[in-house]
């Protein structure tokens, strides 16, 4: 109920707000893409993650791609008819990406030495136009799915979060991320959700 009340202001001018949010999202993706080019060239640190030392990496790029983007498409489609919530998630995700830019800049990391390269055509071709391996802290895959979970009630919220945990497990299985990358993702997702609500309540 409190969440719905926080969105009442959106109902006065829903379409202009959505269009503004989409413009904000587009600019954020552009800034993130350009920033990652610089981050990819920067020397980072290798973290001796004891968790990743427990198993040999396995390639899970295809199920990771299908599960991640399948979940995003289904969730966004489910929100498409609710313009206030769609506006909220657009703003919150844009803020999440800005948080990732700051976090990656503050915590320069090299990928795990045993990493199997993650093939994600959406990121590699449409967003970055290159293979990116240093977008590590914090996980974009896990944080994006966890953020989407806030826009659904039970039992769908739990289902989306189970998917986020499964994606986190597969990223770790492939040694794409360090364990603290995926552990921190839900925290930043919650921060972005709350920040998005406050931003739209102005």
C-alpha atoms as a PDB file:
ATOM      1  CA  UNK A   1       0.000   0.000   0.000  1.00  0.00           C
ATOM      2  CA  UNK A   2       2.799   2.406   0.933  1.00  0.00           C
ATOM      3  CA  UNK A   3       4.490   1.667  -2.404  1.00  0.00           C
ATOM      4  CA  UNK A   4       1.326   2.481  -4.359  1.00  0.00           C
ATOM      5  CA  UNK A   5       0.858   5.717  -2.398  1.00  0.00           C
ATOM      6  CA  UNK A   6       4.429   6.768  -3.179  1.00  0.00           C
ATOM      7  CA  UNK A   7       3.562   6.605  -6.886  1.00  0.00           C
ATOM      8  CA  UNK A   8       0.418   8.739  -6.783  1.00  0.00           C
ATOM      9  CA  UNK A   9       2.319  11.757  -8.087  1.00  0.00           C
ATOM     10  CA  UNK A  10       3.202   9.797 -11.210  1.00  0.00           C
ATOM     11  CA  UNK A  11      -0.462   9.387 -12.118  1.00  0.00           C
ATOM     12  CA  UNK A  12      -0.868  13.105 -12.783  1.00  0.00           C
ATOM     13  CA  UNK A  13       1.476  13.071 -15.799  1.00  0.00           C
ATOM     14  CA  UNK A  14       2.374   9.437 -16.458  1.00  0.00           C
ATOM     15  CA  UNK A  15       3.527   9.603 -20.062  1.00  0.00           C
ATOM     16  CA  UNK A  16       5.860  12.617 -19.759  1.00  0.00           C
ATOM     17  CA  UNK A  17       7.433  11.039 -16.697  1.00  0.00           C
ATOM     18  CA  UNK A  18       7.938   7.745 -18.486  1.00  0.00           C
ATOM     19  CA  UNK A  19       9.485   9.429 -21.521  1.00  0.00           C
ATOM     20  CA  UNK A  20      11.812  11.423 -19.272  1.00  0.00           C
ATOM     21  CA  UNK A  21      12.750   8.242 -17.428  1.00  0.00           C
ATOM     22  CA  UNK A  22      13.511   6.485 -20.716  1.00  0.00           C
ATOM     23  CA  UNK A  23      15.725   9.393 -21.792  1.00  0.00           C
ATOM     24  CA  UNK A  24      17.538   9.196 -18.453  1.00  0.00           C
ATOM     25  CA  UNK A  25      17.960   5.453 -18.970  1.00  0.00           C
ATOM     26  CA  UNK A  26      19.377   5.920 -22.483  1.00  0.00           C
ATOM     27  CA  UNK A  27      21.901   8.504 -21.298  1.00  0.00           C
ATOM     28  CA  UNK A  28      22.919   6.298 -18.386  1.00  0.00           C
ATOM     29  CA  UNK A  29      23.531   3.302 -20.640  1.00  0.00           C
ATOM     30  CA  UNK A  30      25.619   5.505 -22.951  1.00  0.00           C
ATOM     31  CA  UNK A  31      27.711   6.820 -20.049  1.00  0.00           C
ATOM     32  CA  UNK A  32      28.162   3.309 -18.682  1.00  0.00           C
ATOM     33  CA  UNK A  33      29.245   2.005 -22.076  1.00  0.00           C
ATOM     34  CA  UNK A  34      31.813   4.775 -22.523  1.00  0.00           C
ATOM     35  CA  UNK A  35      33.052   4.390 -18.954  1.00  0.00           C
ATOM     36  CA  UNK A  36      33.623   0.661 -19.345  1.00  0.00           C
ATOM     37  CA  UNK A  37      35.966   1.307 -22.255  1.00  0.00           C
ATOM     38  CA  UNK A  38      38.249   3.218 -19.868  1.00  0.00           C
ATOM     39  CA  UNK A  39      37.787   0.723 -17.030  1.00  0.00           C
ATOM     40  CA  UNK A  40      38.673  -2.164 -19.330  1.00  0.00           C
ATOM     41  CA  UNK A  41      42.037  -0.568 -20.119  1.00  0.00           C
ATOM     42  CA  UNK A  42      42.820   0.129 -16.465  1.00  0.00           C
ATOM     43  CA  UNK A  43      44.996  -2.175 -14.382  1.00  0.00           C
ATOM     44  CA  UNK A  44      43.103  -3.704 -11.473  1.00  0.00           C
ATOM     45  CA  UNK A  45      43.704  -6.078  -8.595  1.00  0.00           C
ATOM     46  CA  UNK A  46      43.245  -9.845  -8.459  1.00  0.00           C
ATOM     47  CA  UNK A  47      41.318 -10.946  -5.385  1.00  0.00           C
ATOM     48  CA  UNK A  48      42.265 -14.382  -3.956  1.00  0.00           C
ATOM     49  CA  UNK A  49      38.705 -15.606  -3.515  1.00  0.00           C
ATOM     50  CA  UNK A  50      38.772 -18.808  -1.418  1.00  0.00           C
ATOM     51  CA  UNK A  51      35.278 -19.762  -2.566  1.00  0.00           C
ATOM     52  CA  UNK A  52      36.248 -19.965  -6.231  1.00  0.00           C
ATOM     53  CA  UNK A  53      39.160 -22.224  -5.331  1.00  0.00           C
ATOM     54  CA  UNK A  54      36.733 -24.965  -4.326  1.00  0.00           C
ATOM     55  CA  UNK A  55      35.864 -25.989  -7.914  1.00  0.00           C
ATOM     56  CA  UNK A  56      37.026 -25.777 -11.491  1.00  0.00           C
ATOM     57  CA  UNK A  57      35.053 -23.333 -13.658  1.00  0.00           C
ATOM     58  CA  UNK A  58      32.372 -24.619 -16.013  1.00  0.00           C
ATOM     59  CA  UNK A  59      30.967 -22.829 -19.056  1.00  0.00           C
ATOM     60  CA  UNK A  60      27.354 -21.756 -18.522  1.00  0.00           C
ATOM     61  CA  UNK A  61      27.112 -18.799 -20.901  1.00  0.00           C
ATOM     62  CA  UNK A  62      24.067 -20.058 -22.789  1.00  0.00           C
ATOM     63  CA  UNK A  63      21.835 -20.811 -19.761  1.00  0.00           C
ATOM     64  CA  UNK A  64      23.039 -17.606 -18.105  1.00  0.00           C
ATOM     65  CA  UNK A  65      22.091 -15.560 -21.140  1.00  0.00           C
ATOM     66  CA  UNK A  66      18.709 -17.268 -21.530  1.00  0.00           C
ATOM     67  CA  UNK A  67      17.774 -17.069 -17.848  1.00  0.00           C
ATOM     68  CA  UNK A  68      18.927 -13.483 -17.342  1.00  0.00           C
ATOM     69  CA  UNK A  69      17.389 -11.882 -20.390  1.00  0.00           C
ATOM     70  CA  UNK A  70      14.346 -14.143 -20.356  1.00  0.00           C
ATOM     71  CA  UNK A  71      13.595 -12.967 -16.823  1.00  0.00           C
ATOM     72  CA  UNK A  72      14.144  -9.318 -17.734  1.00  0.00           C
ATOM     73  CA  UNK A  73      11.845  -9.544 -20.760  1.00  0.00           C
ATOM     74  CA  UNK A  74       9.061 -11.326 -18.850  1.00  0.00           C
ATOM     75  CA  UNK A  75       9.230  -8.916 -15.907  1.00  0.00           C
ATOM     76  CA  UNK A  76       9.279  -5.781 -18.043  1.00  0.00           C
ATOM     77  CA  UNK A  77       6.385  -7.131 -20.135  1.00  0.00           C
ATOM     78  CA  UNK A  78       4.423  -7.741 -16.944  1.00  0.00           C
ATOM     79  CA  UNK A  79       5.022  -4.136 -15.866  1.00  0.00           C
ATOM     80  CA  UNK A  80       4.338  -2.602 -19.271  1.00  0.00           C
ATOM     81  CA  UNK A  81       0.677  -1.777 -18.602  1.00  0.00           C
ATOM     82  CA  UNK A  82       1.460  -0.097 -15.282  1.00  0.00           C
ATOM     83  CA  UNK A  83       3.131   3.143 -16.357  1.00  0.00           C
ATOM     84  CA  UNK A  84       3.962   4.379 -12.820  1.00  0.00           C
ATOM     85  CA  UNK A  85       5.730   1.136 -11.922  1.00  0.00           C
ATOM     86  CA  UNK A  86       7.423   1.004 -15.321  1.00  0.00           C
ATOM     87  CA  UNK A  87       8.652   4.560 -14.768  1.00  0.00           C
ATOM     88  CA  UNK A  88       9.864   3.635 -11.296  1.00  0.00           C
ATOM     89  CA  UNK A  89      11.842   0.603 -12.482  1.00  0.00           C
ATOM     90  CA  UNK A  90      13.343   2.607 -15.362  1.00  0.00           C
ATOM     91  CA  UNK A  91      14.589   5.326 -13.008  1.00  0.00           C
ATOM     92  CA  UNK A  92      15.761   2.821 -10.408  1.00  0.00           C
ATOM     93  CA  UNK A  93      17.703   0.791 -12.953  1.00  0.00           C
ATOM     94  CA  UNK A  94      19.325   3.963 -14.299  1.00  0.00           C
ATOM     95  CA  UNK A  95      20.414   4.851 -10.767  1.00  0.00           C
ATOM     96  CA  UNK A  96      21.671   1.301 -10.306  1.00  0.00           C
ATOM     97  CA  UNK A  97      23.894   1.678 -13.368  1.00  0.00           C
ATOM     98  CA  UNK A  98      25.270   4.959 -12.029  1.00  0.00           C
ATOM     99  CA  UNK A  99      26.056   3.142  -8.788  1.00  0.00           C
ATOM    100  CA  UNK A 100      27.893   0.482 -10.785  1.00  0.00           C
ATOM    101  CA  UNK A 101      29.983   3.101 -12.552  1.00  0.00           C
ATOM    102  CA  UNK A 102      31.006   4.549  -9.181  1.00  0.00           C
ATOM    103  CA  UNK A 103      31.627   1.129  -7.629  1.00  0.00           C
ATOM    104  CA  UNK A 104      33.728  -0.164 -10.542  1.00  0.00           C
ATOM    105  CA  UNK A 105      35.748   3.049 -10.509  1.00  0.00           C
ATOM    106  CA  UNK A 106      36.343   2.822  -6.735  1.00  0.00           C
ATOM    107  CA  UNK A 107      37.096  -0.930  -6.735  1.00  0.00           C
ATOM    108  CA  UNK A 108      39.331  -1.674  -9.759  1.00  0.00           C
ATOM    109  CA  UNK A 109      39.553  -5.432 -10.198  1.00  0.00           C
ATOM    110  CA  UNK A 110      41.012  -7.893 -12.636  1.00  0.00           C
ATOM    111  CA  UNK A 111      38.742 -10.864 -13.424  1.00  0.00           C
ATOM    112  CA  UNK A 112      39.455 -14.173 -11.694  1.00  0.00           C
ATOM    113  CA  UNK A 113      42.422 -15.835 -13.410  1.00  0.00           C
ATOM    114  CA  UNK A 114      40.409 -19.026 -13.927  1.00  0.00           C
ATOM    115  CA  UNK A 115      37.431 -17.216 -15.479  1.00  0.00           C
ATOM    116  CA  UNK A 116      35.725 -18.703 -18.520  1.00  0.00           C
ATOM    117  CA  UNK A 117      34.696 -15.793 -20.719  1.00  0.00           C
ATOM    118  CA  UNK A 118      30.994 -15.002 -20.512  1.00  0.00           C
ATOM    119  CA  UNK A 119      29.363 -14.669 -23.932  1.00  0.00           C
ATOM    120  CA  UNK A 120      26.445 -12.256 -23.741  1.00  0.00           C
ATOM    121  CA  UNK A 121      25.488 -10.823 -27.157  1.00  0.00           C
ATOM    122  CA  UNK A 122      23.331  -8.075 -25.649  1.00  0.00           C
ATOM    123  CA  UNK A 123      26.144  -6.675 -23.516  1.00  0.00           C
ATOM    124  CA  UNK A 124      29.006  -7.455 -25.898  1.00  0.00           C
ATOM    125  CA  UNK A 125      27.376  -6.098 -29.080  1.00  0.00           C
ATOM    126  CA  UNK A 126      24.520  -3.748 -28.239  1.00  0.00           C
ATOM    127  CA  UNK A 127      25.874  -2.061 -25.106  1.00  0.00           C
ATOM    128  CA  UNK A 128      29.660  -2.270 -24.982  1.00  0.00           C
ATOM    129  CA  UNK A 129      30.648  -3.070 -28.582  1.00  0.00           C
ATOM    130  CA  UNK A 130      33.501  -5.133 -27.108  1.00  0.00           C
ATOM    131  CA  UNK A 131      34.176  -8.024 -24.738  1.00  0.00           C
ATOM    132  CA  UNK A 132      34.094  -6.650 -21.204  1.00  0.00           C
ATOM    133  CA  UNK A 133      35.603  -8.557 -18.260  1.00  0.00           C
ATOM    134  CA  UNK A 134      36.230  -5.866 -15.647  1.00  0.00           C
ATOM    135  CA  UNK A 135      32.644  -4.855 -14.832  1.00  0.00           C
ATOM    136  CA  UNK A 136      33.012  -6.825 -11.617  1.00  0.00           C
ATOM    137  CA  UNK A 137      31.969  -5.026  -8.448  1.00  0.00           C
ATOM    138  CA  UNK A 138      29.075  -5.384  -8.275  1.00  0.00           C
ATOM    139  CA  UNK A 139      27.291  -7.941 -10.487  1.00  0.00           C
ATOM    140  CA  UNK A 140      25.011  -6.311 -13.048  1.00  0.00           C
ATOM    141  CA  UNK A 141      23.166  -9.545 -13.815  1.00  0.00           C
ATOM    142  CA  UNK A 142      22.253 -10.287 -10.200  1.00  0.00           C
ATOM    143  CA  UNK A 143      21.481  -6.697  -9.209  1.00  0.00           C
ATOM    144  CA  UNK A 144      19.193  -6.129 -12.203  1.00  0.00           C
ATOM    145  CA  UNK A 145      17.110  -9.241 -11.523  1.00  0.00           C
ATOM    146  CA  UNK A 146      16.981  -8.528  -7.774  1.00  0.00           C
ATOM    147  CA  UNK A 147      15.816  -4.980  -8.516  1.00  0.00           C
ATOM    148  CA  UNK A 148      12.964  -6.315 -10.647  1.00  0.00           C
ATOM    149  CA  UNK A 149      11.793  -8.500  -7.758  1.00  0.00           C
ATOM    150  CA  UNK A 150      10.760  -5.420  -5.751  1.00  0.00           C
ATOM    151  CA  UNK A 151       8.016  -4.653  -8.273  1.00  0.00           C
ATOM    152  CA  UNK A 152       6.095  -7.864  -7.649  1.00  0.00           C
ATOM    153  CA  UNK A 153       4.246  -9.279  -4.685  1.00  0.00           C
ATOM    154  CA  UNK A 154       4.424 -12.832  -3.420  1.00  0.00           C
ATOM    155  CA  UNK A 155       4.842 -15.455  -4.763  1.00  0.00           C
ATOM    156  CA  UNK A 156       6.358 -13.821  -7.875  1.00  0.00           C
ATOM    157  CA  UNK A 157       8.839 -11.779  -5.856  1.00  0.00           C
ATOM    158  CA  UNK A 158      10.222 -14.960  -4.336  1.00  0.00           C
ATOM    159  CA  UNK A 159      10.370 -16.624  -7.763  1.00  0.00           C
ATOM    160  CA  UNK A 160      12.361 -13.737  -9.263  1.00  0.00           C
ATOM    161  CA  UNK A 161      14.755 -13.789  -6.313  1.00  0.00           C
ATOM    162  CA  UNK A 162      15.284 -17.511  -6.677  1.00  0.00           C
ATOM    163  CA  UNK A 163      16.239 -16.838 -10.298  1.00  0.00           C
ATOM    164  CA  UNK A 164      18.657 -14.129  -9.134  1.00  0.00           C
ATOM    165  CA  UNK A 165      20.297 -16.606  -6.749  1.00  0.00           C
ATOM    166  CA  UNK A 166      20.521 -19.180  -9.558  1.00  0.00           C
ATOM    167  CA  UNK A 167      22.173 -16.612 -11.842  1.00  0.00           C
ATOM    168  CA  UNK A 168      24.604 -15.730  -9.052  1.00  0.00           C
ATOM    169  CA  UNK A 169      25.472 -19.397  -8.645  1.00  0.00           C
ATOM    170  CA  UNK A 170      26.100 -19.825 -12.364  1.00  0.00           C
ATOM    171  CA  UNK A 171      28.290 -16.712 -12.498  1.00  0.00           C
ATOM    172  CA  UNK A 172      30.374 -18.111  -9.666  1.00  0.00           C
ATOM    173  CA  UNK A 173      30.453 -21.561 -11.270  1.00  0.00           C
ATOM    174  CA  UNK A 174      31.956 -19.987 -14.393  1.00  0.00           C
ATOM    175  CA  UNK A 175      34.305 -17.826 -12.277  1.00  0.00           C
ATOM    176  CA  UNK A 176      32.967 -14.698 -14.010  1.00  0.00           C
ATOM    177  CA  UNK A 177      32.649 -12.824 -10.699  1.00  0.00           C
ATOM    178  CA  UNK A 178      34.145 -12.902  -7.245  1.00  0.00           C
ATOM    179  CA  UNK A 179      31.859 -14.026  -4.437  1.00  0.00           C
ATOM    180  CA  UNK A 180      31.600 -10.529  -2.943  1.00  0.00           C
ATOM    181  CA  UNK A 181      30.488  -9.168  -6.346  1.00  0.00           C
ATOM    182  CA  UNK A 182      27.310 -11.240  -6.286  1.00  0.00           C
ATOM    183  CA  UNK A 183      26.800 -10.932  -2.510  1.00  0.00           C
ATOM    184  CA  UNK A 184      26.767  -7.130  -2.722  1.00  0.00           C
ATOM    185  CA  UNK A 185      24.374  -6.975  -5.688  1.00  0.00           C
ATOM    186  CA  UNK A 186      21.062  -7.252  -3.731  1.00  0.00           C
ATOM    187  CA  UNK A 187      22.188  -4.488  -1.367  1.00  0.00           C
ATOM    188  CA  UNK A 188      22.795  -2.065  -4.214  1.00  0.00           C
ATOM    189  CA  UNK A 189      19.537  -3.150  -5.876  1.00  0.00           C
ATOM    190  CA  UNK A 190      17.611  -2.260  -2.699  1.00  0.00           C
ATOM    191  CA  UNK A 191      19.384   1.098  -2.520  1.00  0.00           C
ATOM    192  CA  UNK A 192      18.496   1.844  -6.151  1.00  0.00           C
ATOM    193  CA  UNK A 193      14.848   0.896  -5.579  1.00  0.00           C
ATOM    194  CA  UNK A 194      14.534   3.244  -2.616  1.00  0.00           C
ATOM    195  CA  UNK A 195      16.419   6.021  -4.399  1.00  0.00           C
ATOM    196  CA  UNK A 196      14.131   5.678  -7.413  1.00  0.00           C
ATOM    197  CA  UNK A 197      11.066   6.085  -5.207  1.00  0.00           C
ATOM    198  CA  UNK A 198      12.449   9.190  -3.535  1.00  0.00           C
ATOM    199  CA  UNK A 199      13.463  10.664  -6.877  1.00  0.00           C
ATOM    200  CA  UNK A 200       9.955  10.243  -8.295  1.00  0.00           C
ATOM    201  CA  UNK A 201       8.270  11.515  -5.133  1.00  0.00           C
ATOM    202  CA  UNK A 202       9.718  14.986  -5.650  1.00  0.00           C
END
